[in-house]
Amino acid sequence: MKLLKSIAVITGVSKGIGYATASALLQKGAIVYGLGRHNHIVHPNFIFVPCDVRNPNEVHQAFAQIKSTTAAIDILVNNAGLGYFGMLEEMPQTEITEMMETNVNGTIYCCREVLPLMKAQEKGHIINIASTAALEGMPQVAAYCASKWAVKGLSESLFREVRDFNIKVTCIYPGSVKTDFFRNSPNIKPHDYMLMPEDIATNIVHALEMPDNFHTVNLEIRPLRPKGPQPQKTK
């Protein structure tokens, strides 16, 4: 896809991966609509649309606003997400519900809004941000893993549903990224050996710019040394 003058919608655009992806697409000449609760981007080709993706009515209204100003949506990046950490039986129901409503339902709501338009224009690319937590179970993140496994299942089913409409669906599985994602984890602090949000954005742009008949279905991205350099063992 040629990104110059393409139309992109990105959720969770206020910071982290969403912010970095919006910035990267704007540098490529795309027109970006950003969904989120706060805006920190000022650019002539950026339009901020306040939206809580957990609320299907807000999502519908946000996309109605977007569709009133553009006849096409070429790209959807479902980035909005969050995680809570702890033993499953000790986790408050409110935290479990928030993860499921944001990570799973929000992704579904946004996909449903763009699919009729993408099918009508016979082109489009949906990027869903999952996590390596969608590839392997880990202790004290059971509910978060469940939400991201749902994103994986959604993405792998959806790509098969829409490939004949010339629509691509890519699921991205980042490892630890230096963002405020870990604000709810007292035992993990962001550090420079994690991936940077710009690393994920670069891979998103690369997937979007591939030839029309080339489809990146799953993309796993991990930091090489997530704990930093380790002492070498001596014989």
C-alpha atoms as a PDB file:
ATOM      1  CA  MET A   1       0.000   0.000   0.000  1.00  0.00           C
ATOM      2  CA  LYS A   2       1.161   3.508  -0.767  1.00  0.00           C
ATOM      3  CA  LEU A   3       0.836   5.462   2.475  1.00  0.00           C
ATOM      4  CA  LEU A   4       0.901   8.933   0.926  1.00  0.00           C
ATOM      5  CA  LYS A   5      -2.637  10.373   1.384  1.00  0.00           C
ATOM      6  CA  SER A   6      -3.922   7.059   2.744  1.00  0.00           C
ATOM      7  CA  ILE A   7      -6.575   7.282   5.475  1.00  0.00           C
ATOM      8  CA  ALA A   8      -5.726   5.633   8.797  1.00  0.00           C
ATOM      9  CA  VAL A   9      -7.632   5.223  12.053  1.00  0.00           C
ATOM     10  CA  ILE A  10      -5.618   4.408  15.184  1.00  0.00           C
ATOM     11  CA  THR A  11      -7.044   3.650  18.627  1.00  0.00           C
ATOM     12  CA  GLY A  12      -5.212   4.372  21.853  1.00  0.00           C
ATOM     13  CA  VAL A  13      -3.412   7.182  20.089  1.00  0.00           C
ATOM     14  CA  SER A  14      -2.626   9.250  23.173  1.00  0.00           C
ATOM     15  CA  LYS A  15       0.703   7.588  23.971  1.00  0.00           C
ATOM     16  CA  GLY A  16       2.949   4.575  23.521  1.00  0.00           C
ATOM     17  CA  ILE A  17       2.574   2.436  20.411  1.00  0.00           C
ATOM     18  CA  GLY A  18      -0.478   4.355  19.193  1.00  0.00           C
ATOM     19  CA  TYR A  19       1.304   7.688  19.410  1.00  0.00           C
ATOM     20  CA  ALA A  20       4.430   6.317  17.712  1.00  0.00           C
ATOM     21  CA  THR A  21       2.400   4.706  14.923  1.00  0.00           C
ATOM     22  CA  ALA A  22       0.434   7.869  14.275  1.00  0.00           C
ATOM     23  CA  SER A  23       3.670   9.853  14.105  1.00  0.00           C
ATOM     24  CA  ALA A  24       5.249   7.346  11.695  1.00  0.00           C
ATOM     25  CA  LEU A  25       2.236   7.357   9.370  1.00  0.00           C
ATOM     26  CA  LEU A  26       2.057  11.136   9.403  1.00  0.00           C
ATOM     27  CA  GLN A  27       5.715  11.240   8.361  1.00  0.00           C
ATOM     28  CA  LYS A  28       4.760   9.040   5.405  1.00  0.00           C
ATOM     29  CA  GLY A  29       2.095  11.519   4.335  1.00  0.00           C
ATOM     30  CA  ALA A  30      -0.951   9.642   5.614  1.00  0.00           C
ATOM     31  CA  ILE A  31      -4.058  11.316   7.019  1.00  0.00           C
ATOM     32  CA  VAL A  32      -4.567   9.960  10.525  1.00  0.00           C
ATOM     33  CA  TYR A  33      -7.688   9.915  12.681  1.00  0.00           C
ATOM     34  CA  GLY A  34      -6.737   9.193  16.275  1.00  0.00           C
ATOM     35  CA  LEU A  35      -9.182   7.715  18.778  1.00  0.00           C
ATOM     36  CA  GLY A  36      -8.420   8.116  22.461  1.00  0.00           C
ATOM     37  CA  ARG A  37      -9.127  10.001  25.642  1.00  0.00           C
ATOM     38  CA  HIS A  38      -6.340  12.569  25.348  1.00  0.00           C
ATOM     39  CA  ASN A  39      -4.488  14.136  22.453  1.00  0.00           C
ATOM     40  CA  HIS A  40      -0.812  15.044  22.322  1.00  0.00           C
ATOM     41  CA  ILE A  41      -0.346  15.264  18.533  1.00  0.00           C
ATOM     42  CA  VAL A  42      -0.459  18.509  16.595  1.00  0.00           C
ATOM     43  CA  HIS A  43      -0.206  18.019  12.833  1.00  0.00           C
ATOM     44  CA  PRO A  44      -2.239  19.343   9.873  1.00  0.00           C
ATOM     45  CA  ASN A  45      -3.048  15.767   8.775  1.00  0.00           C
ATOM     46  CA  PHE A  46      -4.069  14.548  12.235  1.00  0.00           C
ATOM     47  CA  ILE A  47      -7.649  14.609  13.475  1.00  0.00           C
ATOM     48  CA  PHE A  48      -8.333  13.634  17.069  1.00  0.00           C
ATOM     49  CA  VAL A  49     -11.651  11.968  17.845  1.00  0.00           C
ATOM     50  CA  PRO A  50     -12.412  11.490  21.559  1.00  0.00           C
ATOM     51  CA  CYS A  51     -13.598   7.932  22.130  1.00  0.00           C
ATOM     52  CA  ASP A  52     -13.678   5.203  24.777  1.00  0.00           C
ATOM     53  CA  VAL A  53     -13.491   2.000  22.732  1.00  0.00           C
ATOM     54  CA  ARG A  54     -15.200   0.069  25.524  1.00  0.00           C
ATOM     55  CA  ASN A  55     -18.425   1.848  24.658  1.00  0.00           C
ATOM     56  CA  PRO A  56     -19.991   0.628  21.378  1.00  0.00           C
ATOM     57  CA  ASN A  57     -22.094   3.777  21.052  1.00  0.00           C
ATOM     58  CA  GLU A  58     -19.036   6.013  21.354  1.00  0.00           C
ATOM     59  CA  VAL A  59     -17.203   3.873  18.789  1.00  0.00           C
ATOM     60  CA  HIS A  60     -20.127   4.102  16.375  1.00  0.00           C
ATOM     61  CA  GLN A  61     -20.372   7.876  16.829  1.00  0.00           C
ATOM     62  CA  ALA A  62     -16.610   8.276  16.349  1.00  0.00           C
ATOM     63  CA  PHE A  63     -16.645   6.370  13.078  1.00  0.00           C
ATOM     64  CA  ALA A  64     -19.772   8.221  11.932  1.00  0.00           C
ATOM     65  CA  GLN A  65     -17.814  11.445  12.458  1.00  0.00           C
ATOM     66  CA  ILE A  66     -14.853  10.053  10.497  1.00  0.00           C
ATOM     67  CA  LYS A  67     -17.049   8.780   7.651  1.00  0.00           C
ATOM     68  CA  SER A  68     -18.701  12.191   7.388  1.00  0.00           C
ATOM     69  CA  THR A  69     -15.352  13.709   6.417  1.00  0.00           C
ATOM     70  CA  THR A  70     -13.773  10.961   4.291  1.00  0.00           C
ATOM     71  CA  ALA A  71     -15.091   8.492   1.736  1.00  0.00           C
ATOM     72  CA  ALA A  72     -12.449   5.865   2.506  1.00  0.00           C
ATOM     73  CA  ILE A  73     -10.650   4.186   5.393  1.00  0.00           C
ATOM     74  CA  ASP A  74      -7.549   2.353   4.244  1.00  0.00           C
ATOM     75  CA  ILE A  75      -6.004   1.393   7.585  1.00  0.00           C
ATOM     76  CA  LEU A  76      -7.286   0.503  11.039  1.00  0.00           C
ATOM     77  CA  VAL A  77      -4.806  -0.008  13.870  1.00  0.00           C
ATOM     78  CA  ASN A  78      -6.467  -1.501  16.954  1.00  0.00           C
ATOM     79  CA  ASN A  79      -3.922  -0.499  19.556  1.00  0.00           C
ATOM     80  CA  ALA A  80      -5.978   0.486  22.613  1.00  0.00           C
ATOM     81  CA  GLY A  81      -5.323  -1.960  25.415  1.00  0.00           C
ATOM     82  CA  LEU A  82      -4.261  -2.397  29.008  1.00  0.00           C
ATOM     83  CA  GLY A  83      -3.207  -5.058  31.477  1.00  0.00           C
ATOM     84  CA  TYR A  84      -3.530  -5.798  35.164  1.00  0.00           C
ATOM     85  CA  PHE A  85      -1.288  -8.216  37.011  1.00  0.00           C
ATOM     86  CA  GLY A  86      -1.956 -10.546  39.912  1.00  0.00           C
ATOM     87  CA  MET A  87      -3.300 -13.929  40.946  1.00  0.00           C
ATOM     88  CA  LEU A  88      -6.561 -14.606  39.143  1.00  0.00           C
ATOM     89  CA  GLU A  89      -8.629 -15.304  42.260  1.00  0.00           C
ATOM     90  CA  GLU A  90      -7.410 -12.078  43.845  1.00  0.00           C
ATOM     91  CA  MET A  91      -8.008  -9.809  40.852  1.00  0.00           C
ATOM     92  CA  PRO A  92     -10.977  -7.440  41.206  1.00  0.00           C
ATOM     93  CA  GLN A  93     -13.789  -8.101  38.771  1.00  0.00           C
ATOM     94  CA  THR A  94     -13.626  -4.474  37.650  1.00  0.00           C
ATOM     95  CA  GLU A  95     -10.068  -5.015  36.367  1.00  0.00           C
ATOM     96  CA  ILE A  96     -10.987  -8.201  34.507  1.00  0.00           C
ATOM     97  CA  THR A  97     -13.994  -6.499  32.944  1.00  0.00           C
ATOM     98  CA  GLU A  98     -11.947  -3.456  31.903  1.00  0.00           C
ATOM     99  CA  MET A  99      -9.357  -5.641  30.174  1.00  0.00           C
ATOM    100  CA  MET A 100     -11.955  -7.669  28.297  1.00  0.00           C
ATOM    101  CA  GLU A 101     -13.999  -4.634  27.276  1.00  0.00           C
ATOM    102  CA  THR A 102     -10.934  -2.725  26.075  1.00  0.00           C
ATOM    103  CA  ASN A 103      -8.695  -5.412  24.607  1.00  0.00           C
ATOM    104  CA  VAL A 104     -11.366  -7.647  23.068  1.00  0.00           C
ATOM    105  CA  ASN A 105     -14.649  -5.782  22.697  1.00  0.00           C
ATOM    106  CA  GLY A 106     -13.028  -2.527  21.602  1.00  0.00           C
ATOM    107  CA  THR A 107     -11.153  -4.344  18.839  1.00  0.00           C
ATOM    108  CA  ILE A 108     -14.335  -6.051  17.668  1.00  0.00           C
ATOM    109  CA  TYR A 109     -16.348  -2.815  17.704  1.00  0.00           C
ATOM    110  CA  CYS A 110     -13.790  -0.990  15.555  1.00  0.00           C
ATOM    111  CA  CYS A 111     -13.415  -3.870  13.096  1.00  0.00           C
ATOM    112  CA  ARG A 112     -17.169  -4.000  12.624  1.00  0.00           C
ATOM    113  CA  GLU A 113     -17.246  -0.288  11.814  1.00  0.00           C
ATOM    114  CA  VAL A 114     -14.620  -0.408   9.049  1.00  0.00           C
ATOM    115  CA  LEU A 115     -15.392  -3.757   7.412  1.00  0.00           C
ATOM    116  CA  PRO A 116     -18.433  -2.696   5.337  1.00  0.00           C
ATOM    117  CA  LEU A 117     -16.504   0.275   3.960  1.00  0.00           C
ATOM    118  CA  MET A 118     -13.352  -1.737   3.264  1.00  0.00           C
ATOM    119  CA  LYS A 119     -15.391  -4.437   1.529  1.00  0.00           C
ATOM    120  CA  ALA A 120     -17.152  -1.840  -0.628  1.00  0.00           C
ATOM    121  CA  GLN A 121     -13.849  -0.235  -1.662  1.00  0.00           C
ATOM    122  CA  GLU A 122     -12.234  -3.697  -2.020  1.00  0.00           C
ATOM    123  CA  LYS A 123      -9.116  -2.758  -0.116  1.00  0.00           C
ATOM    124  CA  GLY A 124      -7.928  -2.160   3.410  1.00  0.00           C
ATOM    125  CA  HIS A 125      -5.561  -3.307   6.122  1.00  0.00           C
ATOM    126  CA  ILE A 126      -6.479  -4.005   9.735  1.00  0.00           C
ATOM    127  CA  ILE A 127      -3.650  -4.202  12.280  1.00  0.00           C
ATOM    128  CA  ASN A 128      -4.488  -5.734  15.658  1.00  0.00           C
ATOM    129  CA  ILE A 129      -1.986  -5.296  18.475  1.00  0.00           C
ATOM    130  CA  ALA A 130      -1.973  -8.411  20.632  1.00  0.00           C
ATOM    131  CA  SER A 131       1.021  -9.449  22.770  1.00  0.00           C
ATOM    132  CA  THR A 132       3.405 -12.327  23.272  1.00  0.00           C
ATOM    133  CA  ALA A 133       0.938 -13.060  26.076  1.00  0.00           C
ATOM    134  CA  ALA A 134      -1.300 -14.316  23.261  1.00  0.00           C
ATOM    135  CA  LEU A 135       1.287 -16.966  22.405  1.00  0.00           C
ATOM    136  CA  GLU A 136       2.135 -18.425  25.793  1.00  0.00           C
ATOM    137  CA  GLY A 137       0.494 -18.503  29.190  1.00  0.00           C
ATOM    138  CA  MET A 138       2.347 -16.746  31.975  1.00  0.00           C
ATOM    139  CA  PRO A 139       1.739 -16.620  35.730  1.00  0.00           C
ATOM    140  CA  GLN A 140      -0.152 -13.692  37.254  1.00  0.00           C
ATOM    141  CA  VAL A 141      -1.434 -12.463  33.908  1.00  0.00           C
ATOM    142  CA  ALA A 142      -4.085 -15.123  33.272  1.00  0.00           C
ATOM    143  CA  ALA A 143      -6.925 -12.713  32.508  1.00  0.00           C
ATOM    144  CA  TYR A 144      -4.690 -10.508  30.352  1.00  0.00           C
ATOM    145  CA  CYS A 145      -3.459 -13.565  28.444  1.00  0.00           C
ATOM    146  CA  ALA A 146      -7.077 -14.608  27.915  1.00  0.00           C
ATOM    147  CA  SER A 147      -7.927 -11.217  26.428  1.00  0.00           C
ATOM    148  CA  LYS A 148      -4.964 -11.279  24.051  1.00  0.00           C
ATOM    149  CA  TRP A 149      -5.562 -14.898  23.008  1.00  0.00           C
ATOM    150  CA  ALA A 150      -9.031 -13.655  22.032  1.00  0.00           C
ATOM    151  CA  VAL A 151      -7.433 -10.970  19.833  1.00  0.00           C
ATOM    152  CA  LYS A 152      -5.282 -13.662  18.220  1.00  0.00           C
ATOM    153  CA  GLY A 153      -8.307 -15.857  17.496  1.00  0.00           C
ATOM    154  CA  LEU A 154     -10.289 -12.914  16.177  1.00  0.00           C
ATOM    155  CA  SER A 155      -7.453 -11.881  13.865  1.00  0.00           C
ATOM    156  CA  GLU A 156      -6.782 -15.354  12.461  1.00  0.00           C
ATOM    157  CA  SER A 157     -10.483 -15.949  11.777  1.00  0.00           C
ATOM    158  CA  LEU A 158     -11.044 -12.489  10.333  1.00  0.00           C
ATOM    159  CA  PHE A 159      -8.180 -12.640   7.859  1.00  0.00           C
ATOM    160  CA  ARG A 160      -9.731 -15.753   6.350  1.00  0.00           C
ATOM    161  CA  GLU A 161     -13.137 -14.057   6.187  1.00  0.00           C
ATOM    162  CA  VAL A 162     -11.983 -10.980   4.319  1.00  0.00           C
ATOM    163  CA  ARG A 163      -8.963 -11.970   2.210  1.00  0.00           C
ATOM    164  CA  ASP A 164     -11.176 -12.461  -0.866  1.00  0.00           C
ATOM    165  CA  PHE A 165     -12.293  -8.839  -0.490  1.00  0.00           C
ATOM    166  CA  ASN A 166      -8.649  -7.758  -0.851  1.00  0.00           C
ATOM    167  CA  ILE A 167      -8.495  -6.857   2.846  1.00  0.00           C
ATOM    168  CA  LYS A 168      -5.486  -7.755   4.970  1.00  0.00           C
ATOM    169  CA  VAL A 169      -5.537  -8.516   8.694  1.00  0.00           C
ATOM    170  CA  THR A 170      -2.251  -8.543  10.593  1.00  0.00           C
ATOM    171  CA  CYS A 171      -1.859  -9.481  14.242  1.00  0.00           C
ATOM    172  CA  ILE A 172       1.238  -8.173  15.991  1.00  0.00           C
ATOM    173  CA  TYR A 173       2.672  -9.800  19.109  1.00  0.00           C
ATOM    174  CA  PRO A 174       5.062  -7.414  20.866  1.00  0.00           C
ATOM    175  CA  GLY A 175       7.160  -8.459  23.811  1.00  0.00           C
ATOM    176  CA  SER A 176       7.806  -5.956  26.580  1.00  0.00           C
ATOM    177  CA  VAL A 177       7.689  -2.368  25.320  1.00  0.00           C
ATOM    178  CA  LYS A 178       8.893   0.713  27.180  1.00  0.00           C
ATOM    179  CA  THR A 179       5.539   2.398  27.726  1.00  0.00           C
ATOM    180  CA  ASP A 180       3.293   3.094  30.706  1.00  0.00           C
ATOM    181  CA  PHE A 181       1.662  -0.324  30.162  1.00  0.00           C
ATOM    182  CA  PHE A 182       3.426  -1.489  33.318  1.00  0.00           C
ATOM    183  CA  ARG A 183       1.863   1.223  35.479  1.00  0.00           C
ATOM    184  CA  ASN A 184      -0.362  -1.473  37.004  1.00  0.00           C
ATOM    185  CA  SER A 185       2.559  -3.784  37.773  1.00  0.00           C
ATOM    186  CA  PRO A 186       4.507  -2.799  40.907  1.00  0.00           C
ATOM    187  CA  ASN A 187       7.213  -5.383  40.165  1.00  0.00           C
ATOM    188  CA  ILE A 188       8.032  -4.374  36.574  1.00  0.00           C
ATOM    189  CA  LYS A 189       9.436  -0.994  35.642  1.00  0.00           C
ATOM    190  CA  PRO A 190      10.026   0.152  32.030  1.00  0.00           C
ATOM    191  CA  HIS A 191      13.692   0.200  31.023  1.00  0.00           C
ATOM    192  CA  ASP A 192      15.850   0.747  27.954  1.00  0.00           C
ATOM    193  CA  TYR A 193      16.316  -2.955  27.159  1.00  0.00           C
ATOM    194  CA  MET A 194      12.648  -3.282  26.338  1.00  0.00           C
ATOM    195  CA  LEU A 195      11.380  -2.584  22.839  1.00  0.00           C
ATOM    196  CA  MET A 196      10.633   1.042  22.051  1.00  0.00           C
ATOM    197  CA  PRO A 197       7.200   2.114  20.750  1.00  0.00           C
ATOM    198  CA  GLU A 198       8.949   3.325  17.603  1.00  0.00           C
ATOM    199  CA  ASP A 199      10.197  -0.230  16.980  1.00  0.00           C
ATOM    200  CA  ILE A 200       6.618  -1.494  16.768  1.00  0.00           C
ATOM    201  CA  ALA A 201       5.578   1.467  14.628  1.00  0.00           C
ATOM    202  CA  THR A 202       8.392   0.748  12.179  1.00  0.00           C
ATOM    203  CA  ASN A 203       7.198  -2.848  11.788  1.00  0.00           C
ATOM    204  CA  ILE A 204       3.603  -1.696  11.300  1.00  0.00           C
ATOM    205  CA  VAL A 205       4.659   0.679   8.527  1.00  0.00           C
ATOM    206  CA  HIS A 206       6.709  -2.091   6.906  1.00  0.00           C
ATOM    207  CA  ALA A 207       3.727  -4.464   6.925  1.00  0.00           C
ATOM    208  CA  LEU A 208       1.469  -1.784   5.461  1.00  0.00           C
ATOM    209  CA  GLU A 209       3.898  -0.917   2.670  1.00  0.00           C
ATOM    210  CA  MET A 210       4.344  -4.475   1.404  1.00  0.00           C
ATOM    211  CA  PRO A 211       3.040  -5.330  -2.116  1.00  0.00           C
ATOM    212  CA  ASP A 212      -0.693  -5.873  -2.487  1.00  0.00           C
ATOM    213  CA  ASN A 213      -0.403  -9.649  -2.830  1.00  0.00           C
ATOM    214  CA  PHE A 214       1.929  -9.967   0.197  1.00  0.00           C
ATOM    215  CA  HIS A 215       0.154 -10.583   3.491  1.00  0.00           C
ATOM    216  CA  THR A 216       1.859 -10.477   6.877  1.00  0.00           C
ATOM    217  CA  VAL A 217      -0.598 -12.483   8.979  1.00  0.00           C
ATOM    218  CA  ASN A 218       1.299 -12.787  12.271  1.00  0.00           C
ATOM    219  CA  LEU A 219       4.268 -10.728  13.405  1.00  0.00           C
ATOM    220  CA  GLU A 220       6.086 -11.601  16.642  1.00  0.00           C
ATOM    221  CA  ILE A 221       8.487  -8.938  17.923  1.00  0.00           C
ATOM    222  CA  ARG A 222      10.633  -9.394  21.033  1.00  0.00           C
ATOM    223  CA  PRO A 223      13.513  -7.514  22.638  1.00  0.00           C
ATOM    224  CA  LEU A 224      16.761  -9.366  22.084  1.00  0.00           C
ATOM    225  CA  ARG A 225      17.920  -9.093  25.702  1.00  0.00           C
ATOM    226  CA  PRO A 226      14.880  -8.039  27.749  1.00  0.00           C
ATOM    227  CA  LYS A 227      16.832  -8.147  31.024  1.00  0.00           C
ATOM    228  CA  GLY A 228      19.904  -6.442  29.620  1.00  0.00           C
ATOM    229  CA  PRO A 229      23.411  -7.913  29.361  1.00  0.00           C
ATOM    230  CA  GLN A 230      23.923 -10.880  31.631  1.00  0.00           C
ATOM    231  CA  PRO A 231      27.260 -11.980  33.147  1.00  0.00           C
ATOM    232  CA  GLN A 232      28.932 -14.617  30.994  1.00  0.00           C
ATOM    233  CA  LYS A 233      29.413 -18.005  32.614  1.00  0.00           C
ATOM    234  CA  THR A 234      33.012 -19.104  32.952  1.00  0.00           C
ATOM    235  CA  LYS A 235      34.088 -22.715  32.507  1.00  0.00           C
END
